[in-house]
């Protein structure tokens, strides 16, 4: 994809706005048209069908993959003693929509995204899915324009606070929250977690936790703390939900 095609139809006002946003995010683009595409929501194209570039959805797809890889690599290197299940739970917490949307707000992404008038008037500039997908598209654009190292620097600066919370023992509740929402929506029941085993010395215990819904055991999880084991149990339960299909 050439710079010329990306920058087609870029007005002086658009260029000035995009140059301003580069300063906001701290990333100078070689191809400013890539930054523009990262900010184009499909609702804008619905109202402006002759706009010279497409939506940010393909960049969002790429950015999601880049984000997942960089976070996984970082966690793998930073936490050599964590299991696959523990790493999966932590990665999920770092790439969830609420985390991405929170950072997108810090970057004022909602002020710069191209939105259709109806979407904007209904509060789209503050809507979590739009902000999260816009940030992923921005990551994709940074990767294509500046390479993996710039993308890594950009990603790790906003994940730093979340990683610090993890190091301080504030394990995110992503999988447990999702399982609770699912169980309450479909069965009107709340998952119950029970520690069924704890092995090893006090300084290196491993816990096994079982999650039940309505008396039915859905899954077990292991971890170096009860919190991590509960997260892993919830993750496994979510994967097994369609096969388990607990009934009241």
C-alpha atoms as a PDB file:
ATOM      1  CA  UNK A   1       0.000   0.000   0.000  1.00  0.00           C
ATOM      2  CA  UNK A   2       1.724   3.184  -1.173  1.00  0.00           C
ATOM      3  CA  UNK A   3       2.005   6.467   0.654  1.00  0.00           C
ATOM      4  CA  UNK A   4       0.361   8.198  -2.306  1.00  0.00           C
ATOM      5  CA  UNK A   5      -2.780   6.044  -2.096  1.00  0.00           C
ATOM      6  CA  UNK A   6      -3.040   6.480   1.675  1.00  0.00           C
ATOM      7  CA  UNK A   7      -2.663  10.260   1.464  1.00  0.00           C
ATOM      8  CA  UNK A   8      -5.074  10.722  -1.439  1.00  0.00           C
ATOM      9  CA  UNK A   9      -7.475  13.604  -0.903  1.00  0.00           C
ATOM     10  CA  UNK A  10      -5.826  14.709   2.354  1.00  0.00           C
ATOM     11  CA  UNK A  11      -6.874  18.324   2.861  1.00  0.00           C
ATOM     12  CA  UNK A  12      -4.607  20.916   4.508  1.00  0.00           C
ATOM     13  CA  UNK A  13      -6.945  21.015   7.502  1.00  0.00           C
ATOM     14  CA  UNK A  14      -6.858  17.213   7.864  1.00  0.00           C
ATOM     15  CA  UNK A  15      -3.083  17.193   7.590  1.00  0.00           C
ATOM     16  CA  UNK A  16      -2.757  19.851  10.281  1.00  0.00           C
ATOM     17  CA  UNK A  17      -5.101  17.907  12.582  1.00  0.00           C
ATOM     18  CA  UNK A  18      -3.228  14.651  12.004  1.00  0.00           C
ATOM     19  CA  UNK A  19       0.118  16.333  12.593  1.00  0.00           C
ATOM     20  CA  UNK A  20      -1.288  17.618  15.865  1.00  0.00           C
ATOM     21  CA  UNK A  21      -2.407  14.122  16.841  1.00  0.00           C
ATOM     22  CA  UNK A  22       1.053  12.737  16.146  1.00  0.00           C
ATOM     23  CA  UNK A  23       2.326  15.074  18.843  1.00  0.00           C
ATOM     24  CA  UNK A  24      -0.421  13.922  21.203  1.00  0.00           C
ATOM     25  CA  UNK A  25       0.506  10.242  20.858  1.00  0.00           C
ATOM     26  CA  UNK A  26       4.249  10.874  20.598  1.00  0.00           C
ATOM     27  CA  UNK A  27       4.695   8.903  17.372  1.00  0.00           C
ATOM     28  CA  UNK A  28       5.886  10.692  14.197  1.00  0.00           C
ATOM     29  CA  UNK A  29       4.456   8.950  11.128  1.00  0.00           C
ATOM     30  CA  UNK A  30       6.384   8.680   7.899  1.00  0.00           C
ATOM     31  CA  UNK A  31       3.077   8.082   6.092  1.00  0.00           C
ATOM     32  CA  UNK A  32       0.497  10.295   7.738  1.00  0.00           C
ATOM     33  CA  UNK A  33      -2.192   8.690   5.585  1.00  0.00           C
ATOM     34  CA  UNK A  34      -1.853   5.508   7.648  1.00  0.00           C
ATOM     35  CA  UNK A  35      -2.680   7.496  10.752  1.00  0.00           C
ATOM     36  CA  UNK A  36      -5.760   8.887   9.015  1.00  0.00           C
ATOM     37  CA  UNK A  37      -6.957   5.414   8.029  1.00  0.00           C
ATOM     38  CA  UNK A  38      -6.502   4.209  11.620  1.00  0.00           C
ATOM     39  CA  UNK A  39      -8.964   6.875  12.724  1.00  0.00           C
ATOM     40  CA  UNK A  40     -11.723   6.239  10.156  1.00  0.00           C
ATOM     41  CA  UNK A  41     -14.733   4.508  11.726  1.00  0.00           C
ATOM     42  CA  UNK A  42     -17.113   2.750   9.360  1.00  0.00           C
ATOM     43  CA  UNK A  43     -19.979   5.065  10.393  1.00  0.00           C
ATOM     44  CA  UNK A  44     -18.097   7.949   8.762  1.00  0.00           C
ATOM     45  CA  UNK A  45     -17.954   6.106   5.451  1.00  0.00           C
ATOM     46  CA  UNK A  46     -21.676   5.371   5.594  1.00  0.00           C
ATOM     47  CA  UNK A  47     -22.280   9.110   5.503  1.00  0.00           C
ATOM     48  CA  UNK A  48     -19.300   9.933   3.263  1.00  0.00           C
ATOM     49  CA  UNK A  49     -19.146   7.147   0.654  1.00  0.00           C
ATOM     50  CA  UNK A  50     -16.716   9.094  -1.556  1.00  0.00           C
ATOM     51  CA  UNK A  51     -14.083   9.394   1.166  1.00  0.00           C
ATOM     52  CA  UNK A  52     -10.777   8.329  -0.432  1.00  0.00           C
ATOM     53  CA  UNK A  53      -9.745   5.666   2.131  1.00  0.00           C
ATOM     54  CA  UNK A  54     -11.526   2.746   3.756  1.00  0.00           C
ATOM     55  CA  UNK A  55     -12.367   2.150   7.400  1.00  0.00           C
ATOM     56  CA  UNK A  56      -9.888   1.237  10.120  1.00  0.00           C
ATOM     57  CA  UNK A  57     -11.172  -2.345  10.427  1.00  0.00           C
ATOM     58  CA  UNK A  58      -8.281  -4.014   8.598  1.00  0.00           C
ATOM     59  CA  UNK A  59      -5.777  -2.069  10.691  1.00  0.00           C
ATOM     60  CA  UNK A  60      -7.761  -3.064  13.779  1.00  0.00           C
ATOM     61  CA  UNK A  61      -7.352  -6.733  12.777  1.00  0.00           C
ATOM     62  CA  UNK A  62      -3.601  -6.286  12.400  1.00  0.00           C
ATOM     63  CA  UNK A  63      -3.243  -4.224  15.559  1.00  0.00           C
ATOM     64  CA  UNK A  64      -5.080  -6.817  17.616  1.00  0.00           C
ATOM     65  CA  UNK A  65      -2.542  -9.447  16.530  1.00  0.00           C
ATOM     66  CA  UNK A  66       0.436  -7.155  17.176  1.00  0.00           C
ATOM     67  CA  UNK A  67      -0.931  -6.208  20.587  1.00  0.00           C
ATOM     68  CA  UNK A  68      -1.508  -9.834  21.584  1.00  0.00           C
ATOM     69  CA  UNK A  69       1.987 -10.879  20.484  1.00  0.00           C
ATOM     70  CA  UNK A  70       3.811  -8.043  22.244  1.00  0.00           C
ATOM     71  CA  UNK A  71       1.897  -8.479  25.496  1.00  0.00           C
ATOM     72  CA  UNK A  72       2.411 -12.263  25.400  1.00  0.00           C
ATOM     73  CA  UNK A  73       6.135 -11.852  24.735  1.00  0.00           C
ATOM     74  CA  UNK A  74       6.477  -9.310  27.532  1.00  0.00           C
ATOM     75  CA  UNK A  75       4.673 -11.475  30.076  1.00  0.00           C
ATOM     76  CA  UNK A  76       6.632 -14.572  29.020  1.00  0.00           C
ATOM     77  CA  UNK A  77       9.935 -12.801  29.648  1.00  0.00           C
ATOM     78  CA  UNK A  78       8.872 -10.891  32.762  1.00  0.00           C
ATOM     79  CA  UNK A  79       7.193 -13.773  34.624  1.00  0.00           C
ATOM     80  CA  UNK A  80       9.248 -16.946  33.977  1.00  0.00           C
ATOM     81  CA  UNK A  81       7.548 -18.869  36.804  1.00  0.00           C
ATOM     82  CA  UNK A  82       3.936 -18.413  35.693  1.00  0.00           C
ATOM     83  CA  UNK A  83       2.064 -21.272  34.019  1.00  0.00           C
ATOM     84  CA  UNK A  84       0.418 -21.070  30.617  1.00  0.00           C
ATOM     85  CA  UNK A  85      -2.964 -20.611  32.259  1.00  0.00           C
ATOM     86  CA  UNK A  86      -1.726 -17.792  34.483  1.00  0.00           C
ATOM     87  CA  UNK A  87      -0.091 -16.033  31.550  1.00  0.00           C
ATOM     88  CA  UNK A  88      -3.314 -16.375  29.561  1.00  0.00           C
ATOM     89  CA  UNK A  89      -5.347 -14.775  32.331  1.00  0.00           C
ATOM     90  CA  UNK A  90      -2.940 -11.875  32.641  1.00  0.00           C
ATOM     91  CA  UNK A  91      -2.770 -11.289  28.898  1.00  0.00           C
ATOM     92  CA  UNK A  92      -6.568 -11.253  28.691  1.00  0.00           C
ATOM     93  CA  UNK A  93      -6.710  -8.591  31.393  1.00  0.00           C
ATOM     94  CA  UNK A  94      -4.175  -6.427  29.580  1.00  0.00           C
ATOM     95  CA  UNK A  95      -5.861  -6.548  26.167  1.00  0.00           C
ATOM     96  CA  UNK A  96      -9.504  -6.327  27.251  1.00  0.00           C
ATOM     97  CA  UNK A  97     -11.635  -3.538  25.814  1.00  0.00           C
ATOM     98  CA  UNK A  98     -11.904  -1.549  29.025  1.00  0.00           C
ATOM     99  CA  UNK A  99      -8.107  -1.342  29.340  1.00  0.00           C
ATOM    100  CA  UNK A 100      -7.692  -0.260  25.725  1.00  0.00           C
ATOM    101  CA  UNK A 101     -10.521   2.256  25.916  1.00  0.00           C
ATOM    102  CA  UNK A 102      -9.071   3.760  29.075  1.00  0.00           C
ATOM    103  CA  UNK A 103      -5.757   4.415  27.355  1.00  0.00           C
ATOM    104  CA  UNK A 104      -7.501   5.661  24.210  1.00  0.00           C
ATOM    105  CA  UNK A 105      -9.202   8.289  26.373  1.00  0.00           C
ATOM    106  CA  UNK A 106      -5.848   9.335  27.791  1.00  0.00           C
ATOM    107  CA  UNK A 107      -4.697   9.843  24.192  1.00  0.00           C
ATOM    108  CA  UNK A 108      -7.847  11.852  23.316  1.00  0.00           C
ATOM    109  CA  UNK A 109      -8.510   9.379  20.504  1.00  0.00           C
ATOM    110  CA  UNK A 110     -12.230  10.089  20.608  1.00  0.00           C
ATOM    111  CA  UNK A 111     -11.593  13.726  19.701  1.00  0.00           C
ATOM    112  CA  UNK A 112      -9.739  12.784  16.522  1.00  0.00           C
ATOM    113  CA  UNK A 113     -11.587   9.744  15.193  1.00  0.00           C
ATOM    114  CA  UNK A 114     -13.660  10.147  12.023  1.00  0.00           C
ATOM    115  CA  UNK A 115     -17.226   9.347  13.064  1.00  0.00           C
ATOM    116  CA  UNK A 116     -20.551   9.640  11.309  1.00  0.00           C
ATOM    117  CA  UNK A 117     -22.674  12.494  12.595  1.00  0.00           C
ATOM    118  CA  UNK A 118     -25.307  10.183  14.038  1.00  0.00           C
ATOM    119  CA  UNK A 119     -22.704   8.068  15.840  1.00  0.00           C
ATOM    120  CA  UNK A 120     -20.997  11.155  17.226  1.00  0.00           C
ATOM    121  CA  UNK A 121     -24.252  12.710  18.416  1.00  0.00           C
ATOM    122  CA  UNK A 122     -25.185   9.503  20.237  1.00  0.00           C
ATOM    123  CA  UNK A 123     -21.974   9.561  22.286  1.00  0.00           C
ATOM    124  CA  UNK A 124     -19.759   7.468  20.048  1.00  0.00           C
ATOM    125  CA  UNK A 125     -16.621   9.427  20.875  1.00  0.00           C
ATOM    126  CA  UNK A 126     -16.724   8.055  24.410  1.00  0.00           C
ATOM    127  CA  UNK A 127     -18.028   4.571  23.578  1.00  0.00           C
ATOM    128  CA  UNK A 128     -15.754   1.760  24.756  1.00  0.00           C
ATOM    129  CA  UNK A 129     -15.903  -0.511  21.670  1.00  0.00           C
ATOM    130  CA  UNK A 130     -15.138   2.377  19.316  1.00  0.00           C
ATOM    131  CA  UNK A 131     -12.226   3.587  21.425  1.00  0.00           C
ATOM    132  CA  UNK A 132     -10.792   0.090  21.923  1.00  0.00           C
ATOM    133  CA  UNK A 133     -11.000  -0.827  18.241  1.00  0.00           C
ATOM    134  CA  UNK A 134      -9.590   2.565  17.307  1.00  0.00           C
ATOM    135  CA  UNK A 135      -6.599   1.997  19.548  1.00  0.00           C
ATOM    136  CA  UNK A 136      -5.985  -1.419  17.982  1.00  0.00           C
ATOM    137  CA  UNK A 137      -6.128   0.195  14.537  1.00  0.00           C
ATOM    138  CA  UNK A 138      -3.664   2.818  15.705  1.00  0.00           C
ATOM    139  CA  UNK A 139      -1.321   0.055  16.886  1.00  0.00           C
ATOM    140  CA  UNK A 140      -1.614  -1.590  13.469  1.00  0.00           C
ATOM    141  CA  UNK A 141      -0.757   1.680  11.748  1.00  0.00           C
ATOM    142  CA  UNK A 142       2.234   2.291  14.018  1.00  0.00           C
ATOM    143  CA  UNK A 143       3.505  -1.221  13.309  1.00  0.00           C
ATOM    144  CA  UNK A 144       3.235  -0.773   9.530  1.00  0.00           C
ATOM    145  CA  UNK A 145       4.736   2.716   9.549  1.00  0.00           C
ATOM    146  CA  UNK A 146       7.396   2.539  12.254  1.00  0.00           C
ATOM    147  CA  UNK A 147       8.022  -1.148  12.857  1.00  0.00           C
ATOM    148  CA  UNK A 148       7.762  -3.599  15.742  1.00  0.00           C
ATOM    149  CA  UNK A 149      10.036  -1.730  18.169  1.00  0.00           C
ATOM    150  CA  UNK A 150       7.993   1.473  18.003  1.00  0.00           C
ATOM    151  CA  UNK A 151       4.817  -0.574  18.369  1.00  0.00           C
ATOM    152  CA  UNK A 152       6.300  -2.331  21.398  1.00  0.00           C
ATOM    153  CA  UNK A 153       7.257   0.960  23.035  1.00  0.00           C
ATOM    154  CA  UNK A 154       3.796   2.396  22.405  1.00  0.00           C
ATOM    155  CA  UNK A 155       1.991  -0.674  23.785  1.00  0.00           C
ATOM    156  CA  UNK A 156       4.113  -1.150  26.883  1.00  0.00           C
ATOM    157  CA  UNK A 157       3.759   2.451  27.960  1.00  0.00           C
ATOM    158  CA  UNK A 158      -0.005   2.087  28.371  1.00  0.00           C
ATOM    159  CA  UNK A 159       0.117  -1.424  29.803  1.00  0.00           C
ATOM    160  CA  UNK A 160       2.664  -0.396  32.455  1.00  0.00           C
ATOM    161  CA  UNK A 161       0.027   0.656  34.991  1.00  0.00           C
ATOM    162  CA  UNK A 162      -1.904  -2.585  34.537  1.00  0.00           C
ATOM    163  CA  UNK A 163       1.268  -4.670  34.881  1.00  0.00           C
ATOM    164  CA  UNK A 164       2.183  -2.754  38.047  1.00  0.00           C
ATOM    165  CA  UNK A 165      -1.239  -3.583  39.487  1.00  0.00           C
ATOM    166  CA  UNK A 166      -0.593  -7.253  38.745  1.00  0.00           C
ATOM    167  CA  UNK A 167       2.781  -7.094  40.477  1.00  0.00           C
ATOM    168  CA  UNK A 168       1.080  -5.582  43.522  1.00  0.00           C
ATOM    169  CA  UNK A 169      -1.313  -8.506  43.689  1.00  0.00           C
ATOM    170  CA  UNK A 170      -4.339  -6.791  42.172  1.00  0.00           C
ATOM    171  CA  UNK A 171      -5.169  -9.581  39.743  1.00  0.00           C
ATOM    172  CA  UNK A 172      -7.763  -8.475  37.197  1.00  0.00           C
ATOM    173  CA  UNK A 173     -11.126 -10.245  37.320  1.00  0.00           C
ATOM    174  CA  UNK A 174     -11.749 -10.627  33.630  1.00  0.00           C
ATOM    175  CA  UNK A 175     -12.584 -14.336  33.328  1.00  0.00           C
ATOM    176  CA  UNK A 176     -14.529 -14.470  36.595  1.00  0.00           C
ATOM    177  CA  UNK A 177     -16.608 -11.483  35.592  1.00  0.00           C
ATOM    178  CA  UNK A 178     -17.387 -12.970  32.204  1.00  0.00           C
ATOM    179  CA  UNK A 179     -18.381 -16.307  33.701  1.00  0.00           C
ATOM    180  CA  UNK A 180     -20.592 -14.621  36.275  1.00  0.00           C
ATOM    181  CA  UNK A 181     -22.333 -12.569  33.594  1.00  0.00           C
ATOM    182  CA  UNK A 182     -22.910 -15.679  31.489  1.00  0.00           C
ATOM    183  CA  UNK A 183     -24.186 -17.814  34.369  1.00  0.00           C
ATOM    184  CA  UNK A 184     -26.525 -15.112  35.607  1.00  0.00           C
ATOM    185  CA  UNK A 185     -27.835 -14.338  32.128  1.00  0.00           C
ATOM    186  CA  UNK A 186     -28.518 -17.952  31.141  1.00  0.00           C
ATOM    187  CA  UNK A 187     -29.201 -19.656  34.473  1.00  0.00           C
ATOM    188  CA  UNK A 188     -29.773 -16.850  36.974  1.00  0.00           C
ATOM    189  CA  UNK A 189     -27.110 -18.421  39.148  1.00  0.00           C
ATOM    190  CA  UNK A 190     -23.811 -17.210  40.544  1.00  0.00           C
ATOM    191  CA  UNK A 191     -20.623 -19.305  40.194  1.00  0.00           C
ATOM    192  CA  UNK A 192     -19.154 -20.653  43.434  1.00  0.00           C
ATOM    193  CA  UNK A 193     -15.414 -21.252  43.843  1.00  0.00           C
ATOM    194  CA  UNK A 194     -13.985 -23.840  46.235  1.00  0.00           C
ATOM    195  CA  UNK A 195     -10.341 -24.581  46.981  1.00  0.00           C
ATOM    196  CA  UNK A 196     -10.026 -28.348  46.680  1.00  0.00           C
ATOM    197  CA  UNK A 197      -6.263 -28.698  47.173  1.00  0.00           C
ATOM    198  CA  UNK A 198      -3.200 -26.753  48.289  1.00  0.00           C
ATOM    199  CA  UNK A 199       0.217 -28.322  47.898  1.00  0.00           C
ATOM    200  CA  UNK A 200       3.828 -27.295  48.407  1.00  0.00           C
ATOM    201  CA  UNK A 201       5.665 -25.252  51.049  1.00  0.00           C
ATOM    202  CA  UNK A 202       4.207 -22.015  52.346  1.00  0.00           C
ATOM    203  CA  UNK A 203       6.442 -19.854  50.165  1.00  0.00           C
ATOM    204  CA  UNK A 204       5.541 -21.736  46.967  1.00  0.00           C
ATOM    205  CA  UNK A 205       2.080 -23.195  47.379  1.00  0.00           C
ATOM    206  CA  UNK A 206      -0.014 -24.275  44.428  1.00  0.00           C
ATOM    207  CA  UNK A 207      -3.777 -24.066  44.786  1.00  0.00           C
ATOM    208  CA  UNK A 208      -6.442 -26.025  42.956  1.00  0.00           C
ATOM    209  CA  UNK A 209      -9.832 -24.336  42.753  1.00  0.00           C
ATOM    210  CA  UNK A 210     -13.069 -25.793  41.423  1.00  0.00           C
ATOM    211  CA  UNK A 211     -15.856 -23.618  40.060  1.00  0.00           C
ATOM    212  CA  UNK A 212     -19.476 -24.776  40.336  1.00  0.00           C
ATOM    213  CA  UNK A 213     -22.731 -23.380  39.016  1.00  0.00           C
ATOM    214  CA  UNK A 214     -25.948 -24.706  40.484  1.00  0.00           C
ATOM    215  CA  UNK A 215     -24.129 -27.658  42.021  1.00  0.00           C
ATOM    216  CA  UNK A 216     -22.501 -28.643  38.723  1.00  0.00           C
ATOM    217  CA  UNK A 217     -18.696 -28.684  38.608  1.00  0.00           C
ATOM    218  CA  UNK A 218     -17.615 -26.833  35.465  1.00  0.00           C
ATOM    219  CA  UNK A 219     -13.826 -26.764  35.699  1.00  0.00           C
ATOM    220  CA  UNK A 220     -10.750 -26.657  37.896  1.00  0.00           C
ATOM    221  CA  UNK A 221      -7.860 -24.242  37.807  1.00  0.00           C
ATOM    222  CA  UNK A 222      -4.427 -24.159  39.413  1.00  0.00           C
ATOM    223  CA  UNK A 223      -2.249 -21.237  40.401  1.00  0.00           C
ATOM    224  CA  UNK A 224       0.239 -19.852  42.873  1.00  0.00           C
ATOM    225  CA  UNK A 225      -2.564 -17.983  44.626  1.00  0.00           C
ATOM    226  CA  UNK A 226      -6.251 -18.657  45.116  1.00  0.00           C
ATOM    227  CA  UNK A 227      -7.047 -15.640  42.938  1.00  0.00           C
ATOM    228  CA  UNK A 228      -5.011 -16.926  40.015  1.00  0.00           C
ATOM    229  CA  UNK A 229      -6.460 -20.426  40.420  1.00  0.00           C
ATOM    230  CA  UNK A 230      -9.985 -18.982  40.386  1.00  0.00           C
ATOM    231  CA  UNK A 231      -9.192 -17.046  37.201  1.00  0.00           C
ATOM    232  CA  UNK A 232      -7.896 -20.202  35.540  1.00  0.00           C
ATOM    233  CA  UNK A 233     -10.951 -22.180  36.646  1.00  0.00           C
ATOM    234  CA  UNK A 234     -13.207 -19.491  35.213  1.00  0.00           C
ATOM    235  CA  UNK A 235     -11.249 -19.485  31.954  1.00  0.00           C
ATOM    236  CA  UNK A 236     -11.593 -23.248  31.616  1.00  0.00           C
ATOM    237  CA  UNK A 237     -15.287 -23.046  32.486  1.00  0.00           C
ATOM    238  CA  UNK A 238     -15.873 -20.479  29.756  1.00  0.00           C
ATOM    239  CA  UNK A 239     -14.154 -22.726  27.230  1.00  0.00           C
ATOM    240  CA  UNK A 240     -16.247 -25.704  28.365  1.00  0.00           C
ATOM    241  CA  UNK A 241     -19.547 -23.848  28.683  1.00  0.00           C
ATOM    242  CA  UNK A 242     -21.096 -24.985  25.412  1.00  0.00           C
ATOM    243  CA  UNK A 243     -20.105 -28.609  26.065  1.00  0.00           C
ATOM    244  CA  UNK A 244     -21.103 -28.573  29.727  1.00  0.00           C
ATOM    245  CA  UNK A 245     -24.435 -26.739  29.298  1.00  0.00           C
ATOM    246  CA  UNK A 246     -25.315 -26.835  33.014  1.00  0.00           C
ATOM    247  CA  UNK A 247     -28.978 -27.197  33.741  1.00  0.00           C
ATOM    248  CA  UNK A 248     -30.905 -26.108  36.736  1.00  0.00           C
END
